[in-house]
Amino acid sequence: MNNTTNGHALLAFVFHFEVVALPILIVFGSICNIMTFIVMRRKRMRVSSTCFYMAALAVTDTLVLWTGCLNQWFYLMHVPTVVAKSNFTCKLLPFLFVFFADASVWIIVCMSFERYFAVSRPLLAAQMCTTKRAKWVLFVTFIVFVLIDGHFLVTLELEIIDGQYRACHPKKWARHFVGKIFVFIDALKYSAIPFCILLILSILIIQRVFHAEYISAQLQNLRPLNNYRQYSLASSPSCTTQSSTLAASTTHTTLLTSNTRRRCHSCK
């Protein structure tokens, strides 16, 4: 009995939390994403491929909020959702939500690949990491996910239950695929594969950064030795000149002394 009561209390807490949190997330998330897009599309920012990725990420994140979170909030508030309005929206909105969610994750993956390339090949990064190349990368990525997630346009349909309630469900022939197979495909492409790639790239980037710091420290240690060698080479000619001058003056003094002695002997 206590477990059942605790379970109902937890569900009630989650329900009220979502009712309050989802509108806040939609409003503030949309405002922040719009500001990010405006900043990243400024004239001086457009030359950077990273800024292009950030602008695209702001757009996809905003669309995820409006196609997913807003529909979930309508459902919690018992408001007729846009998904159940017609057979067309039943097919389109789930497709858009899953597509934009996948696009957001893989934009971050593309940015991580670019950062790793910039750290590992800094001399080639300026030539390879261009906005034109970034546009092509995103175009190919979007085409791939349109093909993967496009089955929603075919497999979903609007059902009217008891002549009153509307629900968006997979068609009978597609229920096994949508409910059993595509669930694992979605988990792989949205969570598992991006997580592994981001983890590996993060480790490689950290390794490259530490390696660069080690090389920089070694160069800093070699600078005093190089400065000492340059100082020694610069000071050696002056020492030689001083020694030569001293030797010449000594020789001249010796010659004068010997000449003086000879004159004294001749006078005697």
Protein backbone atom coordinates (compact mmCIF):
# COMPACT_ATOMS: atom_id res chain seq x y z
CA MET A 1 0.00 0.00 0.00
CA ASN A 2 2.79 2.40 0.91
CA ASN A 3 4.62 1.57 -2.32
CA THR A 4 1.51 2.33 -4.35
CA THR A 5 1.02 5.62 -2.51
CA ASN A 6 4.64 6.59 -3.06
CA GLY A 7 4.35 5.71 -6.73
CA HIS A 8 1.28 7.90 -7.19
CA ALA A 9 2.97 10.74 -5.32
CA LEU A 10 6.03 10.48 -7.57
CA LEU A 11 3.90 10.49 -10.71
CA ALA A 12 1.97 13.51 -9.45
CA PHE A 13 5.22 15.35 -8.74
CA VAL A 14 6.58 14.57 -12.22
CA PHE A 15 3.29 15.67 -13.79
CA HIS A 16 3.24 19.04 -12.00
CA PHE A 17 6.95 19.54 -12.67
CA GLU A 18 6.48 19.01 -16.42
CA VAL A 19 3.44 21.28 -16.49
CA VAL A 20 5.52 24.12 -15.03
CA ALA A 21 8.93 23.36 -16.56
CA LEU A 22 7.95 22.76 -20.19
CA PRO A 23 6.56 26.28 -20.89
CA ILE A 24 9.59 27.85 -19.20
CA LEU A 25 11.90 25.67 -21.26
CA ILE A 26 10.08 26.51 -24.49
CA VAL A 27 10.04 30.28 -23.90
CA PHE A 28 13.57 30.79 -22.57
CA GLY A 29 15.05 28.17 -24.87
CA SER A 30 13.50 29.83 -27.90
CA ILE A 31 14.70 33.29 -26.84
CA CYS A 32 18.27 32.10 -26.23
CA ASN A 33 18.37 30.17 -29.51
CA ILE A 34 17.08 33.18 -31.47
CA MET A 35 19.73 35.41 -29.88
CA THR A 36 22.40 32.82 -30.68
CA PHE A 37 21.29 32.65 -34.30
CA ILE A 38 21.36 36.46 -34.65
CA VAL A 39 24.87 36.68 -33.18
CA MET A 40 26.26 33.79 -35.21
CA ARG A 41 24.90 35.20 -38.47
CA ARG A 42 26.55 38.59 -38.07
CA LYS A 43 28.73 39.60 -40.97
CA ARG A 44 32.07 39.01 -39.27
CA MET A 45 30.90 35.64 -37.94
CA ARG A 46 29.75 34.22 -41.26
CA VAL A 47 33.28 33.31 -42.36
CA SER A 48 33.64 30.78 -39.53
CA SER A 49 32.36 27.26 -40.05
CA THR A 50 31.94 26.85 -36.29
CA CYS A 51 29.59 29.84 -36.21
CA PHE A 52 27.64 28.30 -39.08
CA TYR A 53 27.25 25.06 -37.12
CA MET A 54 26.15 27.03 -34.05
CA ALA A 55 23.53 28.92 -36.05
CA ALA A 56 22.18 25.68 -37.51
CA LEU A 57 22.12 24.13 -34.03
CA ALA A 58 20.12 27.08 -32.70
CA VAL A 59 17.52 26.55 -35.43
CA THR A 60 17.18 22.80 -34.91
CA ASP A 61 17.01 23.11 -31.11
CA THR A 62 14.22 25.68 -31.41
CA LEU A 63 12.26 23.44 -33.75
CA VAL A 64 12.70 20.51 -31.35
CA LEU A 65 11.16 22.63 -28.60
CA TRP A 66 8.19 23.64 -30.73
CA THR A 67 7.49 20.25 -32.32
CA GLY A 68 8.15 18.08 -29.27
CA CYS A 69 7.92 19.91 -25.97
CA LEU A 70 4.94 22.03 -26.96
CA ASN A 71 2.96 18.99 -28.10
CA GLN A 72 3.84 17.19 -24.85
CA TRP A 73 2.62 20.17 -22.82
CA PHE A 74 -0.66 20.25 -24.75
CA TYR A 75 -1.09 16.56 -23.99
CA LEU A 76 -0.49 17.10 -20.26
CA MET A 77 -2.97 19.99 -20.18
CA HIS A 78 -5.60 17.87 -21.98
CA VAL A 79 -5.59 20.30 -24.88
CA PRO A 80 -6.17 18.81 -28.35
CA THR A 81 -2.73 18.38 -29.82
CA VAL A 82 -1.74 19.47 -33.29
CA VAL A 83 -0.66 15.90 -34.05
CA ALA A 84 -4.22 14.64 -33.76
CA LYS A 85 -5.76 17.39 -35.88
CA SER A 86 -5.54 15.48 -39.15
CA ASN A 87 -3.92 12.52 -40.81
CA PHE A 88 -1.37 14.87 -42.39
CA THR A 89 -0.21 16.34 -39.06
CA CYS A 90 -0.15 12.84 -37.57
CA LYS A 91 2.48 11.90 -40.13
CA LEU A 92 4.39 15.18 -40.39
CA LEU A 93 4.94 16.32 -36.80
CA PRO A 94 6.45 13.07 -35.44
CA PHE A 95 8.74 12.98 -38.45
CA LEU A 96 9.84 16.60 -37.90
CA PHE A 97 10.41 16.08 -34.18
CA VAL A 98 12.59 12.99 -34.63
CA PHE A 99 14.42 14.52 -37.60
CA PHE A 100 15.28 17.79 -35.82
CA ALA A 101 16.33 15.91 -32.67
CA ASP A 102 18.72 13.74 -34.69
CA ALA A 103 20.00 16.76 -36.61
CA SER A 104 20.78 18.64 -33.37
CA VAL A 105 22.84 15.77 -31.99
CA TRP A 106 24.79 15.19 -35.18
CA ILE A 107 25.53 18.89 -35.66
CA ILE A 108 27.37 18.68 -32.34
CA VAL A 109 29.21 15.61 -33.65
CA CYS A 110 30.23 17.53 -36.79
CA MET A 111 31.49 20.41 -34.65
CA SER A 112 33.54 17.99 -32.55
CA PHE A 113 35.11 16.49 -35.67
CA GLU A 114 36.04 19.99 -36.80
CA ARG A 115 37.58 20.86 -33.41
CA TYR A 116 39.64 17.69 -33.45
CA PHE A 117 40.86 18.46 -36.96
CA ALA A 118 41.76 22.01 -35.90
CA VAL A 119 43.78 20.70 -32.95
CA SER A 120 45.48 17.82 -34.76
CA ARG A 121 46.08 19.60 -38.10
CA PRO A 122 46.18 23.32 -37.28
CA LEU A 123 47.95 24.30 -40.51
CA LEU A 124 45.28 22.68 -42.70
CA ALA A 125 42.30 23.72 -40.57
CA ALA A 126 41.99 27.15 -42.18
CA GLN A 127 41.78 25.56 -45.63
CA MET A 128 39.59 22.57 -44.77
CA CYS A 129 37.19 23.98 -42.16
CA THR A 130 35.23 26.39 -44.36
CA THR A 131 31.57 27.38 -44.36
CA LYS A 132 31.12 25.90 -47.82
CA ARG A 133 32.35 22.51 -46.64
CA ALA A 134 30.20 22.78 -43.50
CA LYS A 135 27.10 23.40 -45.64
CA TRP A 136 27.80 20.28 -47.68
CA VAL A 137 28.36 18.23 -44.52
CA LEU A 138 25.03 19.34 -43.05
CA PHE A 139 23.26 18.79 -46.36
CA VAL A 140 24.45 15.18 -46.55
CA THR A 141 23.62 14.66 -42.86
CA PHE A 142 20.09 15.97 -43.32
CA ILE A 143 19.52 13.80 -46.38
CA VAL A 144 20.60 10.70 -44.44
CA PHE A 145 18.18 11.40 -41.58
CA VAL A 146 15.34 12.25 -43.95
CA LEU A 147 15.76 8.77 -45.42
CA ILE A 148 15.99 7.11 -41.99
CA ASP A 149 13.15 8.98 -40.28
CA GLY A 150 10.98 9.32 -43.37
CA HIS A 151 9.13 6.10 -42.60
CA PHE A 152 6.88 8.11 -40.23
CA LEU A 153 5.29 9.65 -43.31
CA VAL A 154 4.18 6.17 -44.37
CA THR A 155 3.79 4.09 -41.21
CA LEU A 156 1.64 6.44 -39.08
CA GLU A 157 -2.06 7.12 -39.36
CA LEU A 158 -4.79 8.85 -37.39
CA GLU A 159 -7.21 6.52 -35.60
CA ILE A 160 -10.58 7.50 -34.17
CA ILE A 161 -11.32 5.43 -31.06
CA ASP A 162 -14.95 4.91 -30.04
CA GLY A 163 -15.97 7.55 -32.55
CA GLN A 164 -14.69 10.29 -30.25
CA TYR A 165 -11.00 10.06 -29.33
CA ARG A 166 -8.27 10.64 -31.87
CA ALA A 167 -4.89 8.97 -31.61
CA CYS A 168 -1.86 8.83 -33.86
CA HIS A 169 -0.68 5.21 -34.09
CA PRO A 170 1.38 3.07 -36.46
CA LYS A 171 -0.53 1.17 -39.08
CA LYS A 172 -1.17 -2.50 -38.37
CA TRP A 173 1.45 -3.78 -40.79
CA ALA A 174 4.07 -1.36 -39.36
CA ARG A 175 3.47 -1.76 -35.63
CA HIS A 176 6.17 -4.38 -35.18
CA PHE A 177 8.73 -2.26 -37.03
CA VAL A 178 7.88 1.00 -35.24
CA GLY A 179 7.43 -0.51 -31.79
CA LYS A 180 10.18 -3.15 -31.78
CA ILE A 181 12.81 -2.47 -34.44
CA PHE A 182 12.94 1.28 -34.96
CA VAL A 183 13.18 1.82 -31.21
CA PHE A 184 16.67 0.28 -31.25
CA ILE A 185 17.61 2.11 -34.45
CA ASP A 186 16.56 5.39 -32.86
CA ALA A 187 18.52 4.63 -29.69
CA LEU A 188 21.64 3.93 -31.75
CA LYS A 189 21.51 6.99 -34.00
CA TYR A 190 20.33 9.43 -31.34
CA SER A 191 22.21 8.27 -28.23
CA ALA A 192 24.69 5.40 -28.42
CA ILE A 193 26.67 6.21 -31.58
CA PRO A 194 26.90 9.99 -30.99
CA PHE A 195 27.89 9.39 -27.36
CA CYS A 196 30.73 7.04 -28.33
CA ILE A 197 31.97 9.39 -31.07
CA LEU A 198 31.89 12.45 -28.80
CA LEU A 199 33.65 10.56 -26.01
CA ILE A 200 36.44 9.37 -28.33
CA LEU A 201 36.88 12.80 -29.93
CA SER A 202 36.95 14.50 -26.53
CA ILE A 203 39.67 12.14 -25.32
CA LEU A 204 41.70 12.69 -28.49
CA ILE A 205 41.32 16.47 -28.26
CA ILE A 206 42.44 16.47 -24.61
CA GLN A 207 45.40 14.27 -25.54
CA ARG A 208 46.41 16.63 -28.34
CA VAL A 209 46.11 19.66 -26.06
CA PHE A 210 48.31 18.08 -23.39
CA HIS A 211 50.82 17.05 -26.06
CA ALA A 212 50.92 20.60 -27.40
CA GLU A 213 51.45 21.95 -23.88
CA TYR A 214 54.30 19.47 -23.35
CA ILE A 215 56.02 20.56 -26.56
CA SER A 216 55.54 24.21 -25.61
CA ALA A 217 57.11 23.57 -22.20
CA GLN A 218 60.08 21.84 -23.83
CA LEU A 219 60.59 24.80 -26.15
CA GLN A 220 60.41 27.16 -23.19
CA ASN A 221 63.14 25.15 -21.46
CA LEU A 222 65.35 25.28 -24.55
CA ARG A 223 65.15 29.06 -24.91
CA PRO A 224 67.59 29.91 -22.06
CA LEU A 225 70.13 27.46 -23.53
CA ASN A 226 69.79 28.99 -26.99
CA ASN A 227 70.12 32.50 -25.56
CA TYR A 228 73.27 31.46 -23.69
CA ARG A 229 74.78 30.00 -26.86
CA GLN A 230 73.98 33.15 -28.83
CA TYR A 231 75.52 35.27 -26.07
CA SER A 232 78.65 33.11 -26.04
CA LEU A 233 79.04 33.36 -29.80
CA ALA A 234 78.51 37.10 -29.69
CA SER A 235 81.01 37.64 -26.88
CA SER A 236 83.79 35.39 -28.29
CA PRO A 237 85.08 37.83 -31.00
CA SER A 238 85.43 40.66 -28.48
CA CYS A 239 87.46 38.45 -26.16
CA THR A 240 89.70 37.42 -29.04
CA THR A 241 90.15 41.04 -30.05
CA GLN A 242 91.06 42.03 -26.50
CA SER A 243 93.61 39.19 -26.31
CA SER A 244 95.13 40.18 -29.63
CA THR A 245 95.36 43.83 -28.56
CA LEU A 246 96.97 42.85 -25.28
CA ALA A 247 99.48 40.62 -27.06
CA ALA A 248 100.32 43.36 -29.57
CA SER A 249 100.83 45.94 -26.83
CA THR A 250 103.05 43.54 -24.89
CA THR A 251 105.16 42.86 -27.99
CA HIS A 252 105.48 46.57 -28.70
CA THR A 253 106.59 47.25 -25.11
CA THR A 254 109.17 44.47 -25.31
CA LEU A 255 110.60 45.89 -28.53
CA LEU A 256 110.87 49.38 -27.04
CA THR A 257 112.63 48.02 -23.98
CA SER A 258 115.16 46.06 -26.03
CA ASN A 259 115.90 49.09 -28.25
CA THR A 260 116.46 51.28 -25.20
CA ARG A 261 118.91 48.80 -23.74
CA ARG A 262 120.87 48.63 -26.98
CA ARG A 263 121.19 52.41 -27.08
CA CYS A 264 122.41 52.45 -23.51
CA HIS A 265 125.10 49.85 -24.29
CA SER A 266 126.26 51.76 -27.32
CA CYS A 267 126.58 54.96 -25.31
CA LYS A 268 128.89 53.23 -22.89
